[in-house]
Protein backbone atom coordinates (compact mmCIF):
# COMPACT_ATOMS: atom_id res chain seq x y z
CA MET A 1 71.37 139.52 124.06
CA SER A 2 68.01 137.83 124.45
CA GLY A 3 66.02 137.18 127.61
CA ALA A 4 66.21 133.41 127.11
CA GLU A 5 69.31 133.05 129.31
CA LEU A 6 67.71 134.92 132.21
CA PRO A 7 65.97 132.80 134.87
CA LEU A 8 62.33 133.61 135.49
CA TRP A 9 62.89 134.64 139.13
CA ALA A 10 65.60 137.08 138.04
CA ALA A 11 63.41 138.59 135.34
CA TRP A 12 60.61 139.17 137.85
CA LEU A 13 63.04 140.72 140.34
CA VAL A 14 64.52 143.05 137.72
CA VAL A 15 61.07 144.14 136.56
CA ALA A 16 59.83 144.64 140.13
CA LEU A 17 62.83 146.78 141.07
CA ALA A 18 62.50 148.89 137.92
CA VAL A 19 58.75 149.43 138.36
CA VAL A 20 59.05 150.33 142.05
CA GLY A 21 61.90 152.72 141.22
CA ALA A 22 59.82 154.35 138.51
CA ALA A 23 56.90 154.66 140.95
CA PHE A 24 59.11 156.48 143.47
CA SER A 25 60.33 158.83 140.76
CA LEU A 26 56.75 159.49 139.69
CA THR A 27 55.78 160.22 143.29
CA GLY A 28 58.56 162.78 143.51
CA ALA A 29 57.46 164.39 140.27
CA LEU A 30 53.87 164.60 141.50
CA GLY A 31 55.13 166.18 144.72
CA LEU A 32 56.81 168.85 142.62
CA ILE A 33 53.47 169.69 141.06
CA ARG A 34 51.22 169.41 144.13
CA LEU A 35 53.20 171.04 146.95
CA ARG A 36 52.90 174.75 147.69
CA THR A 37 56.15 176.33 148.86
CA PHE A 38 59.51 176.36 147.11
CA TYR A 39 61.29 174.24 149.72
CA GLU A 40 58.53 171.63 149.73
CA ARG A 41 58.67 171.49 145.95
CA VAL A 42 62.41 170.97 145.95
CA HIS A 43 62.40 168.41 148.75
CA ALA A 44 59.88 165.95 147.31
CA PRO A 45 61.54 165.31 143.93
CA THR A 46 65.01 164.89 145.41
CA LEU A 47 63.85 162.17 147.79
CA GLY A 48 61.74 160.38 145.19
CA ALA A 49 64.33 160.70 142.47
CA THR A 50 67.17 159.47 144.68
CA LEU A 51 65.39 156.32 145.84
CA GLY A 52 63.90 155.72 142.40
CA MET A 53 67.29 156.13 140.74
CA ALA A 54 68.89 153.73 143.22
CA LEU A 55 66.28 151.03 142.62
CA ILE A 56 66.47 151.38 138.84
CA LEU A 57 70.27 151.20 138.92
CA ILE A 58 70.19 148.12 141.16
CA SER A 59 67.80 146.56 138.67
CA SER A 60 70.13 147.40 135.79
CA MET A 61 73.21 146.08 137.60
CA LEU A 62 71.42 142.84 138.48
CA LEU A 63 70.26 142.32 134.90
CA LEU A 64 73.67 143.01 133.37
CA SER A 65 75.47 140.90 135.99
CA LEU A 66 73.22 137.92 135.30
CA LEU A 67 73.48 138.26 131.52
CA GLU A 68 77.25 138.75 131.43
CA GLY A 69 77.99 136.16 134.14
CA ARG A 70 80.15 138.52 136.22
CA LEU A 71 79.62 141.41 138.60
CA VAL A 72 78.88 144.61 136.65
CA LEU A 73 79.39 147.80 138.62
CA ARG A 74 79.69 150.39 135.87
CA ASP A 75 76.11 151.54 136.51
CA ALA A 76 77.12 152.47 140.06
CA LEU A 77 79.17 155.26 138.51
CA ILE A 78 75.95 156.71 137.09
CA GLY A 79 74.49 156.63 140.59
CA VAL A 80 77.50 158.46 142.00
CA PHE A 81 77.24 161.20 139.38
CA LEU A 82 73.50 161.61 139.88
CA THR A 83 73.87 161.69 143.66
CA VAL A 84 76.59 164.32 143.44
CA SER A 85 74.72 166.46 140.93
CA THR A 86 71.38 166.56 142.79
CA PRO A 87 72.52 169.06 145.49
CA VAL A 88 74.18 171.18 142.81
CA THR A 89 70.87 171.36 140.95
CA LEU A 90 69.14 172.37 144.18
CA LEU A 91 71.64 175.20 144.68
CA LEU A 92 71.11 176.43 141.15
CA LEU A 93 67.37 176.59 141.69
């Protein structure tokens, strides 16, 4: 599986989605460090991680769909599990 079959516009879109998703996740992690109260610290990472995770998964689904030539939705299952497990983690904290 080499990147030679991937069009240039698709490669740029995949990279842009992954980098923006990583930036949102980093922002949430920095919010965990910088904010003062417990509820502020819990709120910032969940928002950043959720949007960051969604953008990274969209990037992954787009890349795999273009490389395999069909719609690949198995990464959406990862998103479902992460979305369901985030409130459970909050309750455990």
